[in-house]
PDB file of N, CA and C in Angstrom:
ATOM      1  N   MET A   1      68.716 -11.071 103.265  1.00  0.00           N
ATOM      2  CA  MET A   1      68.001 -10.448 102.196  1.00  0.00           C
ATOM      3  C   MET A   1      67.428 -11.544 101.304  1.00  0.00           C
ATOM      4  N   ASP A   2      66.141 -11.417 100.984  1.00  0.00           N
ATOM      5  CA  ASP A   2      65.462 -12.417 100.167  1.00  0.00           C
ATOM      6  C   ASP A   2      65.664 -12.115  98.685  1.00  0.00           C
ATOM      7  N   PRO A   3      66.003 -13.119  97.889  1.00  0.00           N
ATOM      8  CA  PRO A   3      66.120 -12.885  96.439  1.00  0.00           C
ATOM      9  C   PRO A   3      64.726 -12.817  95.803  1.00  0.00           C
ATOM     10  N   TYR A   4      64.590 -11.950  94.838  1.00  0.00           N
ATOM     11  CA  TYR A   4      63.326 -11.796  94.135  1.00  0.00           C
ATOM     12  C   TYR A   4      63.502 -12.268  92.691  1.00  0.00           C
ATOM     13  N   HIS A   5      62.501 -12.975  92.233  1.00  0.00           N
ATOM     14  CA  HIS A   5      62.530 -13.460  90.853  1.00  0.00           C
ATOM     15  C   HIS A   5      61.835 -12.434  89.963  1.00  0.00           C
ATOM     16  N   ILE A   6      62.552 -11.912  88.964  1.00  0.00           N
ATOM     17  CA  ILE A   6      61.982 -10.960  88.007  1.00  0.00           C
ATOM     18  C   ILE A   6      61.636 -11.737  86.745  1.00  0.00           C
ATOM     19  N   PRO A   7      60.362 -11.759  86.380  1.00  0.00           N
ATOM     20  CA  PRO A   7      59.980 -12.526  85.186  1.00  0.00           C
ATOM     21  C   PRO A   7      60.584 -11.941  83.911  1.00  0.00           C
ATOM     22  N   ALA A   8      60.722 -12.764  82.914  1.00  0.00           N
ATOM     23  CA  ALA A   8      61.348 -12.352  81.652  1.00  0.00           C
ATOM     24  C   ALA A   8      60.486 -11.353  80.891  1.00  0.00           C
ATOM     25  N   ASN A   9      59.183 -11.361  81.106  1.00  0.00           N
ATOM     26  CA  ASN A   9      58.300 -10.470  80.359  1.00  0.00           C
ATOM     27  C   ASN A   9      57.831  -9.266  81.182  1.00  0.00           C
ATOM     28  N   TYR A  10      58.631  -8.799  82.115  1.00  0.00           N
ATOM     29  CA  TYR A  10      58.195  -7.693  82.950  1.00  0.00           C
ATOM     30  C   TYR A  10      58.092  -6.379  82.157  1.00  0.00           C
ATOM     31  N   THR A  11      58.832  -6.246  81.075  1.00  0.00           N
ATOM     32  CA  THR A  11      58.757  -5.020  80.285  1.00  0.00           C
ATOM     33  C   THR A  11      57.573  -5.030  79.320  1.00  0.00           C
ATOM     34  N   GLU A  12      56.879  -6.126  79.179  1.00  0.00           N
ATOM     35  CA  GLU A  12      55.756  -6.220  78.247  1.00  0.00           C
ATOM     36  C   GLU A  12      54.440  -5.758  78.856  1.00  0.00           C
ATOM     37  N   ALA A  13      54.457  -5.322  80.100  1.00  0.00           N
ATOM     38  CA  ALA A  13      53.223  -4.881  80.742  1.00  0.00           C
ATOM     39  C   ALA A  13      52.728  -3.599  80.069  1.00  0.00           C
ATOM     40  N   GLY A  14      51.454  -3.554  79.774  1.00  0.00           N
ATOM     41  CA  GLY A  14      50.869  -2.380  79.129  1.00  0.00           C
ATOM     42  C   GLY A  14      51.193  -2.278  77.662  1.00  0.00           C
ATOM     43  N   ARG A  15      51.502  -3.385  77.034  1.00  0.00           N
ATOM     44  CA  ARG A  15      51.843  -3.362  75.612  1.00  0.00           C
ATOM     45  C   ARG A  15      50.957  -4.347  74.856  1.00  0.00           C
ATOM     46  N   LEU A  16      50.766  -4.060  73.607  1.00  0.00           N
ATOM     47  CA  LEU A  16      49.973  -4.912  72.745  1.00  0.00           C
ATOM     48  C   LEU A  16      50.915  -5.831  71.982  1.00  0.00           C
ATOM     49  N   LEU A  17      50.709  -7.117  72.087  1.00  0.00           N
ATOM     50  CA  LEU A  17      51.570  -8.136  71.479  1.00  0.00           C
ATOM     51  C   LEU A  17      53.008  -8.046  71.979  1.00  0.00           C
ATOM     52  N   GLY A  18      53.219  -7.404  73.121  1.00  0.00           N
ATOM     53  CA  GLY A  18      54.548  -7.284  73.691  1.00  0.00           C
ATOM     54  C   GLY A  18      55.446  -6.286  73.014  1.00  0.00           C
ATOM     55  N   MET A  19      54.952  -5.599  71.977  1.00  0.00           N
ATOM     56  CA  MET A  19      55.800  -4.680  71.215  1.00  0.00           C
ATOM     57  C   MET A  19      55.295  -3.242  71.211  1.00  0.00           C
ATOM     58  N   PHE A  20      53.996  -3.046  71.067  1.00  0.00           N
ATOM     59  CA  PHE A  20      53.447  -1.713  70.858  1.00  0.00           C
ATOM     60  C   PHE A  20      52.671  -1.260  72.080  1.00  0.00           C
ATOM     61  N   GLU A  21      52.842   0.012  72.434  1.00  0.00           N
ATOM     62  CA  GLU A  21      52.072   0.558  73.546  1.00  0.00           C
ATOM     63  C   GLU A  21      50.601   0.649  73.136  1.00  0.00           C
ATOM     64  N   ILE A  22      49.721   0.532  74.105  1.00  0.00           N
ATOM     65  CA  ILE A  22      48.281   0.542  73.823  1.00  0.00           C
ATOM     66  C   ILE A  22      47.853   1.884  73.259  1.00  0.00           C
ATOM     67  N   ARG A  23      48.426   2.965  73.785  1.00  0.00           N
ATOM     68  CA  ARG A  23      48.082   4.301  73.281  1.00  0.00           C
ATOM     69  C   ARG A  23      48.459   4.438  71.807  1.00  0.00           C
ATOM     70  N   ASN A  24      49.613   3.909  71.414  1.00  0.00           N
ATOM     71  CA  ASN A  24      50.014   3.966  70.016  1.00  0.00           C
ATOM     72  C   ASN A  24      49.075   3.145  69.133  1.00  0.00           C
ATOM     73  N   ALA A  25      48.615   2.014  69.643  1.00  0.00           N
ATOM     74  CA  ALA A  25      47.689   1.185  68.871  1.00  0.00           C
ATOM     75  C   ALA A  25      46.349   1.895  68.677  1.00  0.00           C
ATOM     76  N   VAL A  26      45.868   2.565  69.702  1.00  0.00           N
ATOM     77  CA  VAL A  26      44.614   3.312  69.590  1.00  0.00           C
ATOM     78  C   VAL A  26      44.772   4.458  68.594  1.00  0.00           C
ATOM     79  N   GLU A  27      45.915   5.148  68.640  1.00  0.00           N
ATOM     80  CA  GLU A  27      46.151   6.229  67.687  1.00  0.00           C
ATOM     81  C   GLU A  27      46.267   5.698  66.261  1.00  0.00           C
ATOM     82  N   ALA A  28      46.868   4.536  66.085  1.00  0.00           N
ATOM     83  CA  ALA A  28      46.992   3.952  64.747  1.00  0.00           C
ATOM     84  C   ALA A  28      45.622   3.623  64.175  1.00  0.00           C
ATOM     85  N   VAL A  29      44.741   3.087  64.998  1.00  0.00           N
ATOM     86  CA  VAL A  29      43.375   2.801  64.544  1.00  0.00           C
ATOM     87  C   VAL A  29      42.646   4.102  64.235  1.00  0.00           C
ATOM     88  N   ALA A  30      42.846   5.122  65.079  1.00  0.00           N
ATOM     89  CA  ALA A  30      42.183   6.409  64.864  1.00  0.00           C
ATOM     90  C   ALA A  30      42.682   7.111  63.607  1.00  0.00           C
ATOM     91  N   VAL A  31      43.891   6.817  63.176  1.00  0.00           N
ATOM     92  CA  VAL A  31      44.414   7.403  61.943  1.00  0.00           C
ATOM     93  C   VAL A  31      43.985   6.587  60.725  1.00  0.00           C
ATOM     94  N   ALA A  32      44.004   5.272  60.829  1.00  0.00           N
ATOM     95  CA  ALA A  32      43.767   4.420  59.657  1.00  0.00           C
ATOM     96  C   ALA A  32      42.285   4.314  59.285  1.00  0.00           C
ATOM     97  N   ILE A  33      41.391   4.269  60.244  1.00  0.00           N
ATOM     98  CA  ILE A  33      39.959   4.095  59.946  1.00  0.00           C
ATOM     99  C   ILE A  33      39.393   5.251  59.106  1.00  0.00           C
ATOM    100  N   PRO A  34      39.649   6.526  59.453  1.00  0.00           N
ATOM    101  CA  PRO A  34      39.125   7.588  58.569  1.00  0.00           C
ATOM    102  C   PRO A  34      39.709   7.551  57.160  1.00  0.00           C
ATOM    103  N   ILE A  35      40.970   7.170  57.027  1.00  0.00           N
ATOM    104  CA  ILE A  35      41.564   7.075  55.689  1.00  0.00           C
ATOM    105  C   ILE A  35      40.863   5.989  54.876  1.00  0.00           C
ATOM    106  N   LEU A  36      40.617   4.850  55.490  1.00  0.00           N
ATOM    107  CA  LEU A  36      39.891   3.785  54.792  1.00  0.00           C
ATOM    108  C   LEU A  36      38.474   4.201  54.439  1.00  0.00           C
ATOM    109  N   PHE A  37      37.796   4.850  55.378  1.00  0.00           N
ATOM    110  CA  PHE A  37      36.424   5.299  55.133  1.00  0.00           C
ATOM    111  C   PHE A  37      36.367   6.281  53.973  1.00  0.00           C
ATOM    112  N   LEU A  38      37.290   7.251  53.967  1.00  0.00           N
ATOM    113  CA  LEU A  38      37.301   8.238  52.883  1.00  0.00           C
ATOM    114  C   LEU A  38      37.658   7.613  51.536  1.00  0.00           C
ATOM    115  N   SER A  39      38.568   6.657  51.556  1.00  0.00           N
ATOM    116  CA  SER A  39      38.928   6.035  50.284  1.00  0.00           C
ATOM    117  C   SER A  39      37.771   5.203  49.724  1.00  0.00           C
ATOM    118  N   PHE A  40      36.961   4.622  50.575  1.00  0.00           N
ATOM    119  CA  PHE A  40      35.830   3.830  50.089  1.00  0.00           C
ATOM    120  C   PHE A  40      34.644   4.699  49.680  1.00  0.00           C
ATOM    121  N   THR A  41      34.495   5.875  50.274  1.00  0.00           N
ATOM    122  CA  THR A  41      33.333   6.705  49.952  1.00  0.00           C
ATOM    123  C   THR A  41      33.607   7.706  48.841  1.00  0.00           C
ATOM    124  N   ILE A  42      34.816   8.216  48.735  1.00  0.00           N
ATOM    125  CA  ILE A  42      35.095   9.289  47.783  1.00  0.00           C
ATOM    126  C   ILE A  42      35.521   8.769  46.418  1.00  0.00           C
ATOM    127  N   LEU A  43      36.319   7.735  46.379  1.00  0.00           N
ATOM    128  CA  LEU A  43      36.870   7.268  45.101  1.00  0.00           C
ATOM    129  C   LEU A  43      35.779   6.683  44.198  1.00  0.00           C
ATOM    130  N   PRO A  44      35.787   7.054  42.915  1.00  0.00           N
ATOM    131  CA  PRO A  44      34.743   6.578  42.000  1.00  0.00           C
ATOM    132  C   PRO A  44      35.108   5.297  41.246  1.00  0.00           C
ATOM    133  N   PHE A  45      36.011   4.508  41.773  1.00  0.00           N
ATOM    134  CA  PHE A  45      36.476   3.303  41.085  1.00  0.00           C
ATOM    135  C   PHE A  45      35.757   2.074  41.609  1.00  0.00           C
ATOM    136  N   GLY A  46      36.151   0.916  41.103  1.00  0.00           N
ATOM    137  CA  GLY A  46      35.575  -0.336  41.548  1.00  0.00           C
ATOM    138  C   GLY A  46      36.102  -0.727  42.938  1.00  0.00           C
ATOM    139  N   LEU A  47      35.539  -1.791  43.465  1.00  0.00           N
ATOM    140  CA  LEU A  47      35.877  -2.209  44.829  1.00  0.00           C
ATOM    141  C   LEU A  47      37.345  -2.604  44.955  1.00  0.00           C
ATOM    142  N   MET A  48      37.889  -3.284  43.969  1.00  0.00           N
ATOM    143  CA  MET A  48      39.283  -3.721  44.033  1.00  0.00           C
ATOM    144  C   MET A  48      40.240  -2.525  44.104  1.00  0.00           C
ATOM    145  N   VAL A  49      40.003  -1.522  43.275  1.00  0.00           N
ATOM    146  CA  VAL A  49      40.853  -0.330  43.269  1.00  0.00           C
ATOM    147  C   VAL A  49      40.705   0.440  44.574  1.00  0.00           C
ATOM    148  N   LYS A  50      39.488   0.523  45.092  1.00  0.00           N
ATOM    149  CA  LYS A  50      39.260   1.194  46.369  1.00  0.00           C
ATOM    150  C   LYS A  50      40.032   0.496  47.492  1.00  0.00           C
ATOM    151  N   CYS A  51      40.012  -0.831  47.498  1.00  0.00           N
ATOM    152  CA  CYS A  51      40.754  -1.592  48.517  1.00  0.00           C
ATOM    153  C   CYS A  51      42.250  -1.350  48.405  1.00  0.00           C
ATOM    154  N   ILE A  52      42.761  -1.368  47.200  1.00  0.00           N
ATOM    155  CA  ILE A  52      44.199  -1.192  47.004  1.00  0.00           C
ATOM    156  C   ILE A  52      44.624   0.210  47.425  1.00  0.00           C
ATOM    157  N   VAL A  53      43.902   1.218  46.992  1.00  0.00           N
ATOM    158  CA  VAL A  53      44.251   2.591  47.359  1.00  0.00           C
ATOM    159  C   VAL A  53      44.112   2.795  48.862  1.00  0.00           C
ATOM    160  N   GLY A  54      43.052   2.249  49.448  1.00  0.00           N
ATOM    161  CA  GLY A  54      42.872   2.370  50.892  1.00  0.00           C
ATOM    162  C   GLY A  54      44.002   1.726  51.670  1.00  0.00           C
ATOM    163  N   MET A  55      44.428   0.554  51.246  1.00  0.00           N
ATOM    164  CA  MET A  55      45.521  -0.127  51.941  1.00  0.00           C
ATOM    165  C   MET A  55      46.863   0.572  51.736  1.00  0.00           C
ATOM    166  N   VAL A  56      47.080   1.091  50.530  1.00  0.00           N
ATOM    167  CA  VAL A  56      48.338   1.802  50.258  1.00  0.00           C
ATOM    168  C   VAL A  56      48.444   3.051  51.130  1.00  0.00           C
ATOM    169  N   LEU A  57      47.319   3.693  51.425  1.00  0.00           N
ATOM    170  CA  LEU A  57      47.336   4.889  52.264  1.00  0.00           C
ATOM    171  C   LEU A  57      47.239   4.568  53.753  1.00  0.00           C
ATOM    172  N   ALA A  58      46.415   3.590  54.125  1.00  0.00           N
ATOM    173  CA  ALA A  58      46.131   3.349  55.532  1.00  0.00           C
ATOM    174  C   ALA A  58      47.233   2.564  56.250  1.00  0.00           C
ATOM    175  N   ILE A  59      47.833   1.601  55.583  1.00  0.00           N
ATOM    176  CA  ILE A  59      48.837   0.773  56.265  1.00  0.00           C
ATOM    177  C   ILE A  59      50.080   1.573  56.633  1.00  0.00           C
ATOM    178  N   PRO A  60      50.665   2.374  55.731  1.00  0.00           N
ATOM    179  CA  PRO A  60      51.830   3.153  56.159  1.00  0.00           C
ATOM    180  C   PRO A  60      51.510   4.202  57.221  1.00  0.00           C
ATOM    181  N   SER A  61      50.360   4.876  57.091  1.00  0.00           N
ATOM    182  CA  SER A  61      50.027   5.889  58.093  1.00  0.00           C
ATOM    183  C   SER A  61      49.709   5.254  59.442  1.00  0.00           C
ATOM    184  N   GLY A  62      49.008   4.120  59.429  1.00  0.00           N
ATOM    185  CA  GLY A  62      48.749   3.421  60.689  1.00  0.00           C
ATOM    186  C   GLY A  62      50.020   2.854  61.292  1.00  0.00           C
ATOM    187  N   GLY A  63      50.901   2.337  60.471  1.00  0.00           N
ATOM    188  CA  GLY A  63      52.188   1.840  60.980  1.00  0.00           C
ATOM    189  C   GLY A  63      53.035   2.945  61.547  1.00  0.00           C
ATOM    190  N   PHE A  64      53.019   4.104  60.900  1.00  0.00           N
ATOM    191  CA  PHE A  64      53.753   5.257  61.415  1.00  0.00           C
ATOM    192  C   PHE A  64      53.217   5.681  62.782  1.00  0.00           C
ATOM    193  N   ALA A  65      51.890   5.705  62.925  1.00  0.00           N
ATOM    194  CA  ALA A  65      51.295   6.056  64.216  1.00  0.00           C
ATOM    195  C   ALA A  65      51.544   4.957  65.253  1.00  0.00           C
ATOM    196  N   LEU A  66      51.621   3.715  64.820  1.00  0.00           N
ATOM    197  CA  LEU A  66      51.861   2.608  65.746  1.00  0.00           C
ATOM    198  C   LEU A  66      53.268   2.653  66.312  1.00  0.00           C
ATOM    199  N   ILE A  67      54.231   2.996  65.496  1.00  0.00           N
ATOM    200  CA  ILE A  67      55.615   3.064  65.962  1.00  0.00           C
ATOM    201  C   ILE A  67      55.859   4.323  66.773  1.00  0.00           C
ATOM    202  N   GLY A  68      55.314   5.443  66.343  1.00  0.00           N
ATOM    203  CA  GLY A  68      55.520   6.696  67.048  1.00  0.00           C
ATOM    204  C   GLY A  68      56.786   7.396  66.585  1.00  0.00           C
ATOM    205  N   LEU A  69      57.056   8.538  67.215  1.00  0.00           N
ATOM    206  CA  LEU A  69      58.224   9.332  66.872  1.00  0.00           C
ATOM    207  C   LEU A  69      59.082   9.557  68.106  1.00  0.00           C
ATOM    208  N   GLN A  70      60.356   9.325  67.982  1.00  0.00           N
ATOM    209  CA  GLN A  70      61.323   9.568  69.048  1.00  0.00           C
ATOM    210  C   GLN A  70      60.892   8.910  70.360  1.00  0.00           C
ATOM    211  N   ASP A  71      60.473   7.663  70.267  1.00  0.00           N
ATOM    212  CA  ASP A  71      60.067   6.879  71.429  1.00  0.00           C
ATOM    213  C   ASP A  71      58.907   7.520  72.196  1.00  0.00           C
ATOM    214  N   ASP A  72      58.004   8.137  71.464  1.00  0.00           N
ATOM    215  CA  ASP A  72      56.842   8.784  72.061  1.00  0.00           C
ATOM    216  C   ASP A  72      55.657   8.578  71.131  1.00  0.00           C
ATOM    217  N   CYS A  73      54.446   8.694  71.656  1.00  0.00           N
ATOM    218  CA  CYS A  73      53.286   8.515  70.795  1.00  0.00           C
ATOM    219  C   CYS A  73      53.115   9.739  69.900  1.00  0.00           C
ATOM    220  N   LEU A  74      52.376   9.571  68.837  1.00  0.00           N
ATOM    221  CA  LEU A  74      52.242  10.599  67.810  1.00  0.00           C
ATOM    222  C   LEU A  74      51.563  11.858  68.347  1.00  0.00           C
ATOM    223  N   SER A  75      50.534  11.713  69.161  1.00  0.00           N
ATOM    224  CA  SER A  75      49.822  12.894  69.660  1.00  0.00           C
ATOM    225  C   SER A  75      50.692  13.719  70.604  1.00  0.00           C
ATOM    226  N   ARG A  76      51.474  13.072  71.447  1.00  0.00           N
ATOM    227  CA  ARG A  76      52.378  13.819  72.339  1.00  0.00           C
ATOM    228  C   ARG A  76      53.442  14.550  71.542  1.00  0.00           C
ATOM    229  N   PHE A  77      53.977  13.890  70.527  1.00  0.00           N
ATOM    230  CA  PHE A  77      54.992  14.532  69.701  1.00  0.00           C
ATOM    231  C   PHE A  77      54.415  15.736  68.975  1.00  0.00           C
ATOM    232  N   LEU A  78      53.218  15.592  68.395  1.00  0.00           N
ATOM    233  CA  LEU A  78      52.603  16.710  67.684  1.00  0.00           C
ATOM    234  C   LEU A  78      52.260  17.856  68.624  1.00  0.00           C
ATOM    235  N   ARG A  79      51.801  17.551  69.831  1.00  0.00           N
ATOM    236  CA  ARG A  79      51.499  18.597  70.802  1.00  0.00           C
ATOM    237  C   ARG A  79      52.771  19.348  71.183  1.00  0.00           C
ATOM    238  N   ALA A  80      53.850  18.631  71.426  1.00  0.00           N
ATOM    239  CA  ALA A  80      55.117  19.289  71.771  1.00  0.00           C
ATOM    240  C   ALA A  80      55.646  20.100  70.595  1.00  0.00           C
ATOM    241  N   TYR A  81      55.498  19.590  69.369  1.00  0.00           N
ATOM    242  CA  TYR A  81      55.963  20.321  68.186  1.00  0.00           C
ATOM    243  C   TYR A  81      55.190  21.621  68.008  1.00  0.00           C
ATOM    244  N   PHE A  82      53.868  21.567  68.103  1.00  0.00           N
ATOM    245  CA  PHE A  82      53.087  22.780  67.920  1.00  0.00           C
ATOM    246  C   PHE A  82      53.299  23.766  69.055  1.00  0.00           C
ATOM    247  N   ARG A  83      53.512  23.281  70.265  1.00  0.00           N
ATOM    248  CA  ARG A  83      53.840  24.167  71.380  1.00  0.00           C
ATOM    249  C   ARG A  83      55.182  24.856  71.131  1.00  0.00           C
ATOM    250  N   TRP A  84      56.139  24.118  70.587  1.00  0.00           N
ATOM    251  CA  TRP A  84      57.431  24.704  70.257  1.00  0.00           C
ATOM    252  C   TRP A  84      57.295  25.732  69.143  1.00  0.00           C
ATOM    253  N   ARG A  85      56.490  25.410  68.105  1.00  0.00           N
ATOM    254  CA  ARG A  85      56.302  26.350  67.001  1.00  0.00           C
ATOM    255  C   ARG A  85      55.645  27.640  67.475  1.00  0.00           C
ATOM    256  N   LYS A  86      54.720  27.529  68.410  1.00  0.00           N
ATOM    257  CA  LYS A  86      54.031  28.715  68.903  1.00  0.00           C
ATOM    258  C   LYS A  86      54.937  29.558  69.782  1.00  0.00           C
ATOM    259  N   GLY A  87      55.792  28.936  70.565  1.00  0.00           N
ATOM    260  CA  GLY A  87      56.600  29.653  71.531  1.00  0.00           C
ATOM    261  C   GLY A  87      57.975  30.068  71.062  1.00  0.00           C
ATOM    262  N   ARG A  88      58.345  29.698  69.858  1.00  0.00           N
ATOM    263  CA  ARG A  88      59.696  30.057  69.420  1.00  0.00           C
ATOM    264  C   ARG A  88      59.776  31.551  69.124  1.00  0.00           C
ATOM    265  N   LYS A  89      60.949  32.082  69.262  1.00  0.00           N
ATOM    266  CA  LYS A  89      61.162  33.517  69.072  1.00  0.00           C
ATOM    267  C   LYS A  89      61.962  33.750  67.797  1.00  0.00           C
ATOM    268  N   THR A  90      61.804  34.917  67.238  1.00  0.00           N
ATOM    269  CA  THR A  90      62.556  35.299  66.054  1.00  0.00           C
ATOM    270  C   THR A  90      63.748  36.124  66.493  1.00  0.00           C
ATOM    271  N   LEU A  91      64.916  35.704  66.098  1.00  0.00           N
ATOM    272  CA  LEU A  91      66.127  36.434  66.444  1.00  0.00           C
ATOM    273  C   LEU A  91      66.422  37.448  65.359  1.00  0.00           C
ATOM    274  N   THR A  92      66.659  38.687  65.775  1.00  0.00           N
ATOM    275  CA  THR A  92      67.023  39.720  64.825  1.00  0.00           C
ATOM    276  C   THR A  92      68.357  40.321  65.236  1.00  0.00           C
ATOM    277  N   ARG A  93      69.039  40.872  64.289  1.00  0.00           N
ATOM    278  CA  ARG A  93      70.334  41.476  64.555  1.00  0.00           C
ATOM    279  C   ARG A  93      70.191  42.989  64.422  1.00  0.00           C
ATOM    280  N   GLY A  94      70.543  43.689  65.460  1.00  0.00           N
ATOM    281  CA  GLY A  94      70.474  45.150  65.427  1.00  0.00           C
ATOM    282  C   GLY A  94      69.061  45.680  65.541  1.00  0.00           C
ATOM    283  N   LYS A  95      68.920  46.950  65.258  1.00  0.00           N
ATOM    284  CA  LYS A  95      67.589  47.591  65.334  1.00  0.00           C
ATOM    285  C   LYS A  95      66.797  47.327  64.073  1.00  0.00           C
ATOM    286  N   ARG A  96      65.555  47.183  64.246  1.00  0.00           N
ATOM    287  CA  ARG A  96      64.660  46.970  63.117  1.00  0.00           C
ATOM    288  C   ARG A  96      64.072  48.299  62.688  1.00  0.00           C
ATOM    289  N   ARG A  97      64.116  48.604  61.412  1.00  0.00           N
ATOM    290  CA  ARG A  97      63.603  49.907  60.951  1.00  0.00           C
ATOM    291  C   ARG A  97      62.364  49.735  60.153  1.00  0.00           C
TER     292      ARG A  97
END
């Protein structure tokens, strides 16, 4: 039997910077860009305040989308959650009058 060499970075395939899945990175950009755009177009303040508010809103939401929920990307989690909400049943006790 021939021995096989497994490289140290075999788990980094399909990841961005070796840590984040590519799908999560795309979702993070898709979440953060509209928030930044809206903060720059809607807010009636100066440029410095617009930048600060945009970063305060965009960085946490983009980071949340980058990490994901329960080891899954944000869109898959939301799809499963809404499917569960739609399909859940209401339990009642006895006859309903």
